[in-house]
PDB file of all heavy atoms in Angstrom:
ATOM      1  N   THR A   1      38.095 -54.820  83.092  1.00  0.00           N
ATOM      2  CA  THR A   1      38.798 -55.221  84.315  1.00  0.00           C
ATOM      3  C   THR A   1      38.206 -54.540  85.535  1.00  0.00           C
ATOM      4  O   THR A   1      38.010 -55.162  86.598  1.00  0.00           O
ATOM      5  CB  THR A   1      40.293 -54.878  84.202  1.00  0.00           C
ATOM      6  OG1 THR A   1      40.831 -55.555  83.065  1.00  0.00           O
ATOM      7  CG2 THR A   1      41.041 -55.280  85.461  1.00  0.00           C
ATOM      8  N   LEU A   2      37.913 -53.265  85.412  1.00  0.00           N
ATOM      9  CA  LEU A   2      37.350 -52.517  86.540  1.00  0.00           C
ATOM     10  C   LEU A   2      36.024 -53.125  86.959  1.00  0.00           C
ATOM     11  O   LEU A   2      35.747 -53.296  88.165  1.00  0.00           O
ATOM     12  CB  LEU A   2      37.166 -51.046  86.139  1.00  0.00           C
ATOM     13  CG  LEU A   2      36.847 -50.066  87.274  1.00  0.00           C
ATOM     14  CD1 LEU A   2      37.999 -49.988  88.263  1.00  0.00           C
ATOM     15  CD2 LEU A   2      36.549 -48.678  86.703  1.00  0.00           C
ATOM     16  N   ASP A   3      35.182 -53.473  85.995  1.00  0.00           N
ATOM     17  CA  ASP A   3      33.893 -54.077  86.312  1.00  0.00           C
ATOM     18  C   ASP A   3      34.081 -55.425  87.023  1.00  0.00           C
ATOM     19  O   ASP A   3      33.378 -55.751  87.989  1.00  0.00           O
ATOM     20  CB  ASP A   3      33.079 -54.278  85.038  1.00  0.00           C
ATOM     21  CG  ASP A   3      32.510 -52.961  84.528  1.00  0.00           C
ATOM     22  OD1 ASP A   3      32.418 -51.994  85.315  1.00  0.00           O
ATOM     23  OD2 ASP A   3      32.177 -52.877  83.328  1.00  0.00           O
ATOM     24  N   GLU A   4      35.053 -56.217  86.555  1.00  0.00           N
ATOM     25  CA  GLU A   4      35.239 -57.554  87.112  1.00  0.00           C
ATOM     26  C   GLU A   4      35.727 -57.505  88.544  1.00  0.00           C
ATOM     27  O   GLU A   4      35.215 -58.211  89.426  1.00  0.00           O
ATOM     28  CB  GLU A   4      36.234 -58.332  86.233  1.00  0.00           C
ATOM     29  CG  GLU A   4      35.662 -58.720  84.880  1.00  0.00           C
ATOM     30  CD  GLU A   4      36.713 -59.323  83.970  1.00  0.00           C
ATOM     31  OE1 GLU A   4      37.909 -59.357  84.385  1.00  0.00           O
ATOM     32  OE2 GLU A   4      36.346 -59.748  82.862  1.00  0.00           O
ATOM     33  N   VAL A   5      36.737 -56.649  88.817  1.00  0.00           N
ATOM     34  CA  VAL A   5      37.302 -56.645  90.169  1.00  0.00           C
ATOM     35  C   VAL A   5      36.400 -55.928  91.170  1.00  0.00           C
ATOM     36  O   VAL A   5      36.497 -56.154  92.385  1.00  0.00           O
ATOM     37  CB  VAL A   5      38.708 -56.006  90.192  1.00  0.00           C
ATOM     38  CG1 VAL A   5      39.648 -56.755  89.268  1.00  0.00           C
ATOM     39  CG2 VAL A   5      38.651 -54.536  89.818  1.00  0.00           C
ATOM     40  N   ALA A   6      35.524 -55.047  90.686  1.00  0.00           N
ATOM     41  CA  ALA A   6      34.723 -54.241  91.608  1.00  0.00           C
ATOM     42  C   ALA A   6      33.377 -54.873  91.936  1.00  0.00           C
ATOM     43  O   ALA A   6      32.686 -54.395  92.837  1.00  0.00           O
ATOM     44  CB  ALA A   6      34.497 -52.846  91.006  1.00  0.00           C
ATOM     45  N   VAL A   7      33.008 -55.970  91.274  1.00  0.00           N
ATOM     46  CA  VAL A   7      31.676 -56.537  91.480  1.00  0.00           C
ATOM     47  C   VAL A   7      31.395 -56.853  92.953  1.00  0.00           C
ATOM     48  O   VAL A   7      30.348 -56.485  93.478  1.00  0.00           O
ATOM     49  CB  VAL A   7      31.486 -57.790  90.599  1.00  0.00           C
ATOM     50  CG1 VAL A   7      30.265 -58.585  91.050  1.00  0.00           C
ATOM     51  CG2 VAL A   7      31.335 -57.382  89.137  1.00  0.00           C
ATOM     52  N   PRO A   8      32.298 -57.527  93.670  1.00  0.00           N
ATOM     53  CA  PRO A   8      31.957 -57.894  95.066  1.00  0.00           C
ATOM     54  C   PRO A   8      31.775 -56.678  95.976  1.00  0.00           C
ATOM     55  O   PRO A   8      31.085 -56.774  96.997  1.00  0.00           O
ATOM     56  CB  PRO A   8      33.160 -58.738  95.508  1.00  0.00           C
ATOM     57  CG  PRO A   8      33.859 -59.146  94.246  1.00  0.00           C
ATOM     58  CD  PRO A   8      33.624 -58.056  93.286  1.00  0.00           C
ATOM     59  N   LEU A   9      32.408 -55.597  95.670  1.00  0.00           N
ATOM     60  CA  LEU A   9      32.401 -54.438  96.564  1.00  0.00           C
ATOM     61  C   LEU A   9      31.759 -53.203  95.916  1.00  0.00           C
ATOM     62  O   LEU A   9      32.033 -52.067  96.324  1.00  0.00           O
ATOM     63  CB  LEU A   9      33.842 -54.101  96.992  1.00  0.00           C
ATOM     64  CG  LEU A   9      34.610 -55.227  97.679  1.00  0.00           C
ATOM     65  CD1 LEU A   9      36.080 -54.842  97.803  1.00  0.00           C
ATOM     66  CD2 LEU A   9      34.014 -55.479  99.062  1.00  0.00           C
ATOM     67  N   ARG A  10      30.903 -53.412  94.901  1.00  0.00           N
ATOM     68  CA  ARG A  10      30.405 -52.283  94.129  1.00  0.00           C
ATOM     69  C   ARG A  10      29.691 -51.253  95.005  1.00  0.00           C
ATOM     70  O   ARG A  10      29.884 -50.042  94.852  1.00  0.00           O
ATOM     71  CB  ARG A  10      29.456 -52.765  93.027  1.00  0.00           C
ATOM     72  CG  ARG A  10      28.877 -51.612  92.195  1.00  0.00           C
ATOM     73  CD  ARG A  10      28.107 -52.119  90.988  1.00  0.00           C
ATOM     74  NE  ARG A  10      28.967 -52.799  90.039  1.00  0.00           N
ATOM     75  CZ  ARG A  10      29.698 -52.169  89.119  1.00  0.00           C
ATOM     76  NH1 ARG A  10      29.689 -50.851  89.072  1.00  0.00           N
ATOM     77  NH2 ARG A  10      30.434 -52.845  88.305  1.00  0.00           N
ATOM     78  N   GLY A  11      28.854 -51.697  95.943  1.00  0.00           N
ATOM     79  CA  GLY A  11      28.113 -50.743  96.759  1.00  0.00           C
ATOM     80  C   GLY A  11      29.020 -49.844  97.577  1.00  0.00           C
ATOM     81  O   GLY A  11      28.751 -48.659  97.762  1.00  0.00           O
ATOM     82  N   GLU A  12      30.115 -50.412  98.105  1.00  0.00           N
ATOM     83  CA  GLU A  12      31.027 -49.633  98.943  1.00  0.00           C
ATOM     84  C   GLU A  12      31.963 -48.745  98.128  1.00  0.00           C
ATOM     85  O   GLU A  12      32.504 -47.767  98.638  1.00  0.00           O
ATOM     86  CB  GLU A  12      31.865 -50.598  99.798  1.00  0.00           C
ATOM     87  CG  GLU A  12      31.022 -51.477 100.717  1.00  0.00           C
ATOM     88  CD  GLU A  12      31.851 -52.602 101.309  1.00  0.00           C
ATOM     89  OE1 GLU A  12      32.844 -52.277 101.972  1.00  0.00           O
ATOM     90  OE2 GLU A  12      31.507 -53.771 101.057  1.00  0.00           O
ATOM     91  N   LEU A  13      32.146 -49.101  96.817  1.00  0.00           N
ATOM     92  CA  LEU A  13      33.120 -48.355  95.989  1.00  0.00           C
ATOM     93  C   LEU A  13      32.462 -47.536  94.876  1.00  0.00           C
ATOM     94  O   LEU A  13      33.132 -47.108  93.940  1.00  0.00           O
ATOM     95  CB  LEU A  13      34.109 -49.353  95.356  1.00  0.00           C
ATOM     96  CG  LEU A  13      34.998 -50.127  96.318  1.00  0.00           C
ATOM     97  CD1 LEU A  13      35.854 -51.119  95.541  1.00  0.00           C
ATOM     98  CD2 LEU A  13      35.898 -49.175  97.104  1.00  0.00           C
ATOM     99  N   GLU A  14      31.153 -47.312  94.953  1.00  0.00           N
ATOM    100  CA  GLU A  14      30.434 -46.667  93.840  1.00  0.00           C
ATOM    101  C   GLU A  14      31.050 -45.319  93.471  1.00  0.00           C
ATOM    102  O   GLU A  14      31.312 -45.023  92.303  1.00  0.00           O
ATOM    103  CB  GLU A  14      28.955 -46.493  94.209  1.00  0.00           C
ATOM    104  CG  GLU A  14      28.058 -46.245  93.005  1.00  0.00           C
ATOM    105  CD  GLU A  14      27.980 -47.450  92.087  1.00  0.00           C
ATOM    106  OE1 GLU A  14      27.867 -48.581  92.600  1.00  0.00           O
ATOM    107  OE2 GLU A  14      28.083 -47.245  90.863  1.00  0.00           O
ATOM    108  N   LYS A  15      31.279 -44.460  94.491  1.00  0.00           N
ATOM    109  CA  LYS A  15      31.820 -43.128  94.195  1.00  0.00           C
ATOM    110  C   LYS A  15      33.254 -43.228  93.687  1.00  0.00           C
ATOM    111  O   LYS A  15      33.648 -42.511  92.754  1.00  0.00           O
ATOM    112  CB  LYS A  15      31.755 -42.261  95.437  1.00  0.00           C
ATOM    113  CG  LYS A  15      30.337 -41.867  95.838  1.00  0.00           C
ATOM    114  CD  LYS A  15      30.345 -40.936  97.058  1.00  0.00           C
ATOM    115  CE  LYS A  15      28.915 -40.544  97.431  1.00  0.00           C
ATOM    116  NZ  LYS A  15      28.913 -39.644  98.621  1.00  0.00           N
ATOM    117  N   ALA A  16      34.034 -44.115  94.297  1.00  0.00           N
ATOM    118  CA  ALA A  16      35.414 -44.273  93.861  1.00  0.00           C
ATOM    119  C   ALA A  16      35.482 -44.805  92.428  1.00  0.00           C
ATOM    120  O   ALA A  16      36.331 -44.390  91.624  1.00  0.00           O
ATOM    121  CB  ALA A  16      36.162 -45.212  94.800  1.00  0.00           C
ATOM    122  N   LEU A  17      34.568 -45.732  92.098  1.00  0.00           N
ATOM    123  CA  LEU A  17      34.513 -46.255  90.734  1.00  0.00           C
ATOM    124  C   LEU A  17      34.211 -45.140  89.727  1.00  0.00           C
ATOM    125  O   LEU A  17      34.843 -45.032  88.668  1.00  0.00           O
ATOM    126  CB  LEU A  17      33.433 -47.335  90.636  1.00  0.00           C
ATOM    127  CG  LEU A  17      33.799 -48.728  91.138  1.00  0.00           C
ATOM    128  CD1 LEU A  17      32.541 -49.606  91.200  1.00  0.00           C
ATOM    129  CD2 LEU A  17      34.832 -49.352  90.203  1.00  0.00           C
ATOM    130  N   ALA A  18      33.243 -44.316  90.070  1.00  0.00           N
ATOM    131  CA  ALA A  18      32.859 -43.231  89.154  1.00  0.00           C
ATOM    132  C   ALA A  18      34.015 -42.268  88.944  1.00  0.00           C
ATOM    133  O   ALA A  18      34.306 -41.844  87.810  1.00  0.00           O
ATOM    134  CB  ALA A  18      31.636 -42.483  89.700  1.00  0.00           C
ATOM    135  N   ARG A  19      34.693 -41.912  90.060  1.00  0.00           N
ATOM    136  CA  ARG A  19      35.832 -40.987  89.947  1.00  0.00           C
ATOM    137  C   ARG A  19      36.954 -41.597  89.106  1.00  0.00           C
ATOM    138  O   ARG A  19      37.575 -40.937  88.276  1.00  0.00           O
ATOM    139  CB  ARG A  19      36.353 -40.609  91.326  1.00  0.00           C
ATOM    140  CG  ARG A  19      35.454 -39.623  92.065  1.00  0.00           C
ATOM    141  CD  ARG A  19      36.200 -39.009  93.255  1.00  0.00           C
ATOM    142  NE  ARG A  19      36.640 -40.020  94.214  1.00  0.00           N
ATOM    143  CZ  ARG A  19      35.910 -40.437  95.244  1.00  0.00           C
ATOM    144  NH1 ARG A  19      34.699 -39.916  95.459  1.00  0.00           N
ATOM    145  NH2 ARG A  19      36.369 -41.356  96.081  1.00  0.00           N
ATOM    146  N   THR A  20      37.201 -42.874  89.342  1.00  0.00           N
ATOM    147  CA  THR A  20      38.277 -43.546  88.614  1.00  0.00           C
ATOM    148  C   THR A  20      37.963 -43.619  87.117  1.00  0.00           C
ATOM    149  O   THR A  20      38.823 -43.359  86.269  1.00  0.00           O
ATOM    150  CB  THR A  20      38.506 -44.954  89.184  1.00  0.00           C
ATOM    151  OG1 THR A  20      38.829 -44.846  90.570  1.00  0.00           O
ATOM    152  CG2 THR A  20      39.619 -45.669  88.431  1.00  0.00           C
ATOM    153  N   ARG A  21      36.723 -43.995  86.800  1.00  0.00           N
ATOM    154  CA  ARG A  21      36.331 -44.057  85.386  1.00  0.00           C
ATOM    155  C   ARG A  21      36.540 -42.697  84.710  1.00  0.00           C
ATOM    156  O   ARG A  21      37.077 -42.600  83.617  1.00  0.00           O
ATOM    157  CB  ARG A  21      34.868 -44.459  85.251  1.00  0.00           C
ATOM    158  CG  ARG A  21      34.569 -45.904  85.535  1.00  0.00           C
ATOM    159  CD  ARG A  21      33.079 -46.167  85.302  1.00  0.00           C
ATOM    160  NE  ARG A  21      32.673 -47.421  85.885  1.00  0.00           N
ATOM    161  CZ  ARG A  21      32.850 -48.618  85.311  1.00  0.00           C
ATOM    162  NH1 ARG A  21      33.439 -48.691  84.136  1.00  0.00           N
ATOM    163  NH2 ARG A  21      32.447 -49.719  85.917  1.00  0.00           N
ATOM    164  N   THR A  22      36.076 -41.626  85.395  1.00  0.00           N
ATOM    165  CA  THR A  22      36.189 -40.286  84.816  1.00  0.00           C
ATOM    166  C   THR A  22      37.645 -39.893  84.636  1.00  0.00           C
ATOM    167  O   THR A  22      38.044 -39.392  83.570  1.00  0.00           O
ATOM    168  CB  THR A  22      35.477 -39.254  85.711  1.00  0.00           C
ATOM    169  OG1 THR A  22      34.092 -39.599  85.810  1.00  0.00           O
ATOM    170  CG2 THR A  22      35.620 -37.849  85.139  1.00  0.00           C
ATOM    171  N   SER A  23      38.461 -40.109  85.658  1.00  0.00           N
ATOM    172  CA  SER A  23      39.876 -39.721  85.588  1.00  0.00           C
ATOM    173  C   SER A  23      40.599 -40.465  84.474  1.00  0.00           C
ATOM    174  O   SER A  23      41.365 -39.869  83.699  1.00  0.00           O
ATOM    175  CB  SER A  23      40.556 -39.978  86.927  1.00  0.00           C
ATOM    176  OG  SER A  23      39.976 -39.201  87.948  1.00  0.00           O
ATOM    177  N   VAL A  24      40.355 -41.749  84.400  1.00  0.00           N
ATOM    178  CA  VAL A  24      41.034 -42.543  83.383  1.00  0.00           C
ATOM    179  C   VAL A  24      40.557 -42.170  81.982  1.00  0.00           C
ATOM    180  O   VAL A  24      41.343 -42.051  81.036  1.00  0.00           O
ATOM    181  CB  VAL A  24      40.841 -44.041  83.655  1.00  0.00           C
ATOM    182  CG1 VAL A  24      41.357 -44.874  82.477  1.00  0.00           C
ATOM    183  CG2 VAL A  24      41.556 -44.437  84.934  1.00  0.00           C
ATOM    184  N   ARG A  25      39.244 -41.953  81.825  1.00  0.00           N
ATOM    185  CA  ARG A  25      38.709 -41.574  80.511  1.00  0.00           C
ATOM    186  C   ARG A  25      39.288 -40.235  80.060  1.00  0.00           C
ATOM    187  O   ARG A  25      39.680 -40.073  78.912  1.00  0.00           O
ATOM    188  CB  ARG A  25      37.186 -41.523  80.553  1.00  0.00           C
ATOM    189  CG  ARG A  25      36.558 -41.047  79.253  1.00  0.00           C
ATOM    190  CD  ARG A  25      35.074 -41.275  79.206  1.00  0.00           C
ATOM    191  NE  ARG A  25      34.766 -42.680  79.030  1.00  0.00           N
ATOM    192  CZ  ARG A  25      34.768 -43.290  77.843  1.00  0.00           C
ATOM    193  NH1 ARG A  25      35.097 -42.628  76.756  1.00  0.00           N
ATOM    194  NH2 ARG A  25      34.465 -44.560  77.749  1.00  0.00           N
ATOM    195  N   VAL A  26      39.340 -39.257  80.973  1.00  0.00           N
ATOM    196  CA  VAL A  26      39.898 -37.945  80.610  1.00  0.00           C
ATOM    197  C   VAL A  26      41.358 -38.093  80.185  1.00  0.00           C
ATOM    198  O   VAL A  26      41.795 -37.531  79.177  1.00  0.00           O
ATOM    199  CB  VAL A  26      39.768 -36.960  81.791  1.00  0.00           C
ATOM    200  CG1 VAL A  26      40.610 -35.707  81.550  1.00  0.00           C
ATOM    201  CG2 VAL A  26      38.309 -36.579  82.007  1.00  0.00           C
ATOM    202  N   ALA A  27      42.131 -38.853  80.966  1.00  0.00           N
ATOM    203  CA  ALA A  27      43.552 -39.047  80.639  1.00  0.00           C
ATOM    204  C   ALA A  27      43.711 -39.775  79.305  1.00  0.00           C
ATOM    205  O   ALA A  27      44.572 -39.426  78.481  1.00  0.00           O
ATOM    206  CB  ALA A  27      44.241 -39.818  81.754  1.00  0.00           C
ATOM    207  N   ALA A  28      42.856 -40.794  79.085  1.00  0.00           N
ATOM    208  CA  ALA A  28      42.946 -41.552  77.831  1.00  0.00           C
ATOM    209  C   ALA A  28      42.559 -40.688  76.636  1.00  0.00           C
ATOM    210  O   ALA A  28      43.188 -40.749  75.571  1.00  0.00           O
ATOM    211  CB  ALA A  28      42.056 -42.788  77.909  1.00  0.00           C
ATOM    212  N   GLU A  29      41.522 -39.892  76.797  1.00  0.00           N
ATOM    213  CA  GLU A  29      41.106 -39.014  75.698  1.00  0.00           C
ATOM    214  C   GLU A  29      42.183 -37.983  75.385  1.00  0.00           C
ATOM    215  O   GLU A  29      42.443 -37.669  74.215  1.00  0.00           O
ATOM    216  CB  GLU A  29      39.787 -38.324  76.050  1.00  0.00           C
ATOM    217  CG  GLU A  29      38.592 -39.262  76.017  1.00  0.00           C
ATOM    218  CD  GLU A  29      37.320 -38.594  76.521  1.00  0.00           C
ATOM    219  OE1 GLU A  29      37.416 -37.476  77.080  1.00  0.00           O
ATOM    220  OE2 GLU A  29      36.242 -39.201  76.354  1.00  0.00           O
TER     221      GLU A  29
END
């Protein structure tokens, strides 16, 4: 889902995407 919704704005949200992935992965683990 994250990949799908972020495609149009990936360049502007690169850092936010990385932070979100890390935060969610840590919480899920």
